[in-house]
């Protein structure tokens, strides 16, 4: 147990630092989202705004993707997949879902350790 104490202390300190950094990142994301809403309003009002602006000082490109012109990335929950399968294959949807789960679940079994800190109850 004595060998774990210094490692656990470091782990706890680093976890606290990550929590603080994540909280700051969350705040910054919220601020960015507010600015994105302002940008969206400006682009919705004015059709003459450019879709691409080269920001030479920062070596970046500001690009606008308008609604209906791009697709978001997507994931599908087990529940939604099951609903689709039952809707598309009323007689076999449940069986197809069971087979997909049977094949996929072994890939979800962890092969390494994981650690977490939780508040005491």
C-alpha atoms as a PDB file:
ATOM      1  CA  UNK A   1       0.000   0.000   0.000  1.00  0.00           C
ATOM      2  CA  UNK A   2       2.898   2.370   0.709  1.00  0.00           C
ATOM      3  CA  UNK A   3       4.050   2.066  -2.901  1.00  0.00           C
ATOM      4  CA  UNK A   4       0.632   3.273  -4.086  1.00  0.00           C
ATOM      5  CA  UNK A   5       0.491   6.413  -1.920  1.00  0.00           C
ATOM      6  CA  UNK A   6       2.817   8.662  -3.968  1.00  0.00           C
ATOM      7  CA  UNK A   7       1.366   7.441  -7.264  1.00  0.00           C
ATOM      8  CA  UNK A   8      -2.204   7.952  -6.048  1.00  0.00           C
ATOM      9  CA  UNK A   9      -1.332  11.428  -4.741  1.00  0.00           C
ATOM     10  CA  UNK A  10       0.063  12.358  -8.160  1.00  0.00           C
ATOM     11  CA  UNK A  11      -2.933  10.803  -9.874  1.00  0.00           C
ATOM     12  CA  UNK A  12      -5.315  12.802  -7.676  1.00  0.00           C
ATOM     13  CA  UNK A  13      -3.422  16.056  -8.276  1.00  0.00           C
ATOM     14  CA  UNK A  14      -3.365  15.523 -12.032  1.00  0.00           C
ATOM     15  CA  UNK A  15      -7.057  14.589 -12.080  1.00  0.00           C
ATOM     16  CA  UNK A  16      -7.913  17.811 -10.241  1.00  0.00           C
ATOM     17  CA  UNK A  17      -5.851  19.808 -12.740  1.00  0.00           C
ATOM     18  CA  UNK A  18      -7.646  18.106 -15.630  1.00  0.00           C
ATOM     19  CA  UNK A  19     -11.013  18.910 -14.055  1.00  0.00           C
ATOM     20  CA  UNK A  20     -10.020  22.577 -13.853  1.00  0.00           C
ATOM     21  CA  UNK A  21      -8.754  22.615 -17.450  1.00  0.00           C
ATOM     22  CA  UNK A  22     -11.918  20.871 -18.671  1.00  0.00           C
ATOM     23  CA  UNK A  23     -14.082  23.423 -16.845  1.00  0.00           C
ATOM     24  CA  UNK A  24     -12.156  26.257 -18.523  1.00  0.00           C
ATOM     25  CA  UNK A  25     -12.431  24.515 -21.907  1.00  0.00           C
ATOM     26  CA  UNK A  26     -16.180  24.139 -21.406  1.00  0.00           C
ATOM     27  CA  UNK A  27     -16.487  27.853 -20.659  1.00  0.00           C
ATOM     28  CA  UNK A  28     -14.468  28.704 -23.774  1.00  0.00           C
ATOM     29  CA  UNK A  29     -16.653  26.397 -25.892  1.00  0.00           C
ATOM     30  CA  UNK A  30     -19.751  28.173 -24.582  1.00  0.00           C
ATOM     31  CA  UNK A  31     -18.217  31.544 -25.466  1.00  0.00           C
ATOM     32  CA  UNK A  32     -17.299  30.286 -28.933  1.00  0.00           C
ATOM     33  CA  UNK A  33     -20.843  28.992 -29.445  1.00  0.00           C
ATOM     34  CA  UNK A  34     -22.208  32.469 -28.628  1.00  0.00           C
ATOM     35  CA  UNK A  35     -19.864  33.979 -31.208  1.00  0.00           C
ATOM     36  CA  UNK A  36     -20.938  31.317 -33.724  1.00  0.00           C
ATOM     37  CA  UNK A  37     -24.563  32.349 -33.128  1.00  0.00           C
ATOM     38  CA  UNK A  38     -23.582  35.960 -33.895  1.00  0.00           C
ATOM     39  CA  UNK A  39     -21.799  34.808 -37.063  1.00  0.00           C
ATOM     40  CA  UNK A  40     -24.799  32.713 -38.111  1.00  0.00           C
ATOM     41  CA  UNK A  41     -27.083  35.708 -37.651  1.00  0.00           C
ATOM     42  CA  UNK A  42     -24.769  37.881 -39.752  1.00  0.00           C
ATOM     43  CA  UNK A  43     -24.623  35.284 -42.542  1.00  0.00           C
ATOM     44  CA  UNK A  44     -28.389  34.748 -42.414  1.00  0.00           C
ATOM     45  CA  UNK A  45     -29.010  38.492 -42.824  1.00  0.00           C
ATOM     46  CA  UNK A  46     -26.472  39.228 -45.554  1.00  0.00           C
ATOM     47  CA  UNK A  47     -26.022  37.042 -48.623  1.00  0.00           C
ATOM     48  CA  UNK A  48     -22.954  38.942 -49.846  1.00  0.00           C
ATOM     49  CA  UNK A  49     -20.609  37.746 -47.089  1.00  0.00           C
ATOM     50  CA  UNK A  50     -17.753  35.489 -48.286  1.00  0.00           C
ATOM     51  CA  UNK A  51     -17.849  31.756 -47.585  1.00  0.00           C
ATOM     52  CA  UNK A  52     -14.080  31.605 -47.229  1.00  0.00           C
ATOM     53  CA  UNK A  53     -11.671  34.096 -45.669  1.00  0.00           C
ATOM     54  CA  UNK A  54      -7.917  33.544 -45.508  1.00  0.00           C
ATOM     55  CA  UNK A  55      -6.581  34.826 -42.195  1.00  0.00           C
ATOM     56  CA  UNK A  56      -2.975  35.355 -43.195  1.00  0.00           C
ATOM     57  CA  UNK A  57      -1.733  36.609 -39.835  1.00  0.00           C
ATOM     58  CA  UNK A  58      -2.784  33.363 -38.144  1.00  0.00           C
ATOM     59  CA  UNK A  59      -2.199  31.133 -41.196  1.00  0.00           C
ATOM     60  CA  UNK A  60      -5.761  29.866 -40.963  1.00  0.00           C
ATOM     61  CA  UNK A  61      -8.818  29.812 -43.190  1.00  0.00           C
ATOM     62  CA  UNK A  62     -12.276  30.759 -41.928  1.00  0.00           C
ATOM     63  CA  UNK A  63     -14.803  28.685 -43.854  1.00  0.00           C
ATOM     64  CA  UNK A  64     -18.577  28.885 -43.725  1.00  0.00           C
ATOM     65  CA  UNK A  65     -20.689  25.762 -44.171  1.00  0.00           C
ATOM     66  CA  UNK A  66     -24.254  26.824 -44.839  1.00  0.00           C
ATOM     67  CA  UNK A  67     -27.334  24.871 -43.752  1.00  0.00           C
ATOM     68  CA  UNK A  68     -28.295  22.142 -46.189  1.00  0.00           C
ATOM     69  CA  UNK A  69     -24.838  22.117 -47.812  1.00  0.00           C
ATOM     70  CA  UNK A  70     -23.054  19.698 -45.474  1.00  0.00           C
ATOM     71  CA  UNK A  71     -23.763  16.662 -43.321  1.00  0.00           C
ATOM     72  CA  UNK A  72     -22.977  16.224 -39.655  1.00  0.00           C
ATOM     73  CA  UNK A  73     -21.122  13.155 -38.420  1.00  0.00           C
ATOM     74  CA  UNK A  74     -23.445  10.662 -36.822  1.00  0.00           C
ATOM     75  CA  UNK A  75     -23.699   7.803 -34.410  1.00  0.00           C
ATOM     76  CA  UNK A  76     -26.595   5.493 -33.846  1.00  0.00           C
ATOM     77  CA  UNK A  77     -27.704   4.309 -30.415  1.00  0.00           C
ATOM     78  CA  UNK A  78     -28.623   0.684 -29.857  1.00  0.00           C
ATOM     79  CA  UNK A  79     -32.172   1.780 -29.153  1.00  0.00           C
ATOM     80  CA  UNK A  80     -32.496   3.720 -32.422  1.00  0.00           C
ATOM     81  CA  UNK A  81     -30.867   0.910 -34.412  1.00  0.00           C
ATOM     82  CA  UNK A  82     -33.315  -1.561 -32.910  1.00  0.00           C
ATOM     83  CA  UNK A  83     -36.248   0.700 -33.784  1.00  0.00           C
ATOM     84  CA  UNK A  84     -35.059   0.989 -37.394  1.00  0.00           C
ATOM     85  CA  UNK A  85     -34.541  -2.764 -37.731  1.00  0.00           C
ATOM     86  CA  UNK A  86     -37.971  -3.591 -36.349  1.00  0.00           C
ATOM     87  CA  UNK A  87     -39.531  -0.961 -38.619  1.00  0.00           C
ATOM     88  CA  UNK A  88     -37.699  -2.171 -41.743  1.00  0.00           C
ATOM     89  CA  UNK A  89     -37.806  -5.880 -40.932  1.00  0.00           C
ATOM     90  CA  UNK A  90     -40.917  -6.359 -38.768  1.00  0.00           C
ATOM     91  CA  UNK A  91     -40.598 -10.135 -38.627  1.00  0.00           C
ATOM     92  CA  UNK A  92     -36.806 -10.339 -38.229  1.00  0.00           C
ATOM     93  CA  UNK A  93     -35.717  -7.022 -36.681  1.00  0.00           C
ATOM     94  CA  UNK A  94     -35.398  -8.422 -33.163  1.00  0.00           C
ATOM     95  CA  UNK A  95     -33.353 -11.391 -34.377  1.00  0.00           C
ATOM     96  CA  UNK A  96     -31.042  -9.209 -36.488  1.00  0.00           C
ATOM     97  CA  UNK A  97     -30.495  -6.906 -33.504  1.00  0.00           C
ATOM     98  CA  UNK A  98     -29.683  -9.833 -31.213  1.00  0.00           C
ATOM     99  CA  UNK A  99     -27.150 -11.112 -33.745  1.00  0.00           C
ATOM    100  CA  UNK A 100     -25.525  -7.689 -34.111  1.00  0.00           C
ATOM    101  CA  UNK A 101     -25.225  -7.400 -30.328  1.00  0.00           C
ATOM    102  CA  UNK A 102     -23.840 -10.947 -30.077  1.00  0.00           C
ATOM    103  CA  UNK A 103     -21.143 -10.166 -32.644  1.00  0.00           C
ATOM    104  CA  UNK A 104     -20.263  -6.712 -31.378  1.00  0.00           C
ATOM    105  CA  UNK A 105     -20.232  -7.095 -27.584  1.00  0.00           C
ATOM    106  CA  UNK A 106     -17.026  -9.180 -27.440  1.00  0.00           C
ATOM    107  CA  UNK A 107     -15.201  -6.268 -29.102  1.00  0.00           C
ATOM    108  CA  UNK A 108     -16.306  -4.010 -26.251  1.00  0.00           C
ATOM    109  CA  UNK A 109     -14.642  -6.076 -23.524  1.00  0.00           C
ATOM    110  CA  UNK A 110     -11.683  -4.150 -22.126  1.00  0.00           C
ATOM    111  CA  UNK A 111      -8.225  -5.658 -22.418  1.00  0.00           C
ATOM    112  CA  UNK A 112      -6.488  -3.186 -20.131  1.00  0.00           C
ATOM    113  CA  UNK A 113      -6.917  -1.504 -16.772  1.00  0.00           C
ATOM    114  CA  UNK A 114      -8.899   1.673 -16.301  1.00  0.00           C
ATOM    115  CA  UNK A 115      -9.047   3.927 -13.280  1.00  0.00           C
ATOM    116  CA  UNK A 116     -11.512   6.540 -12.098  1.00  0.00           C
ATOM    117  CA  UNK A 117     -11.960   8.923  -9.213  1.00  0.00           C
ATOM    118  CA  UNK A 118     -15.453   9.305  -7.803  1.00  0.00           C
ATOM    119  CA  UNK A 119     -16.735  11.247  -4.841  1.00  0.00           C
ATOM    120  CA  UNK A 120     -17.421   9.193  -1.740  1.00  0.00           C
ATOM    121  CA  UNK A 121     -21.061   8.616  -0.972  1.00  0.00           C
END
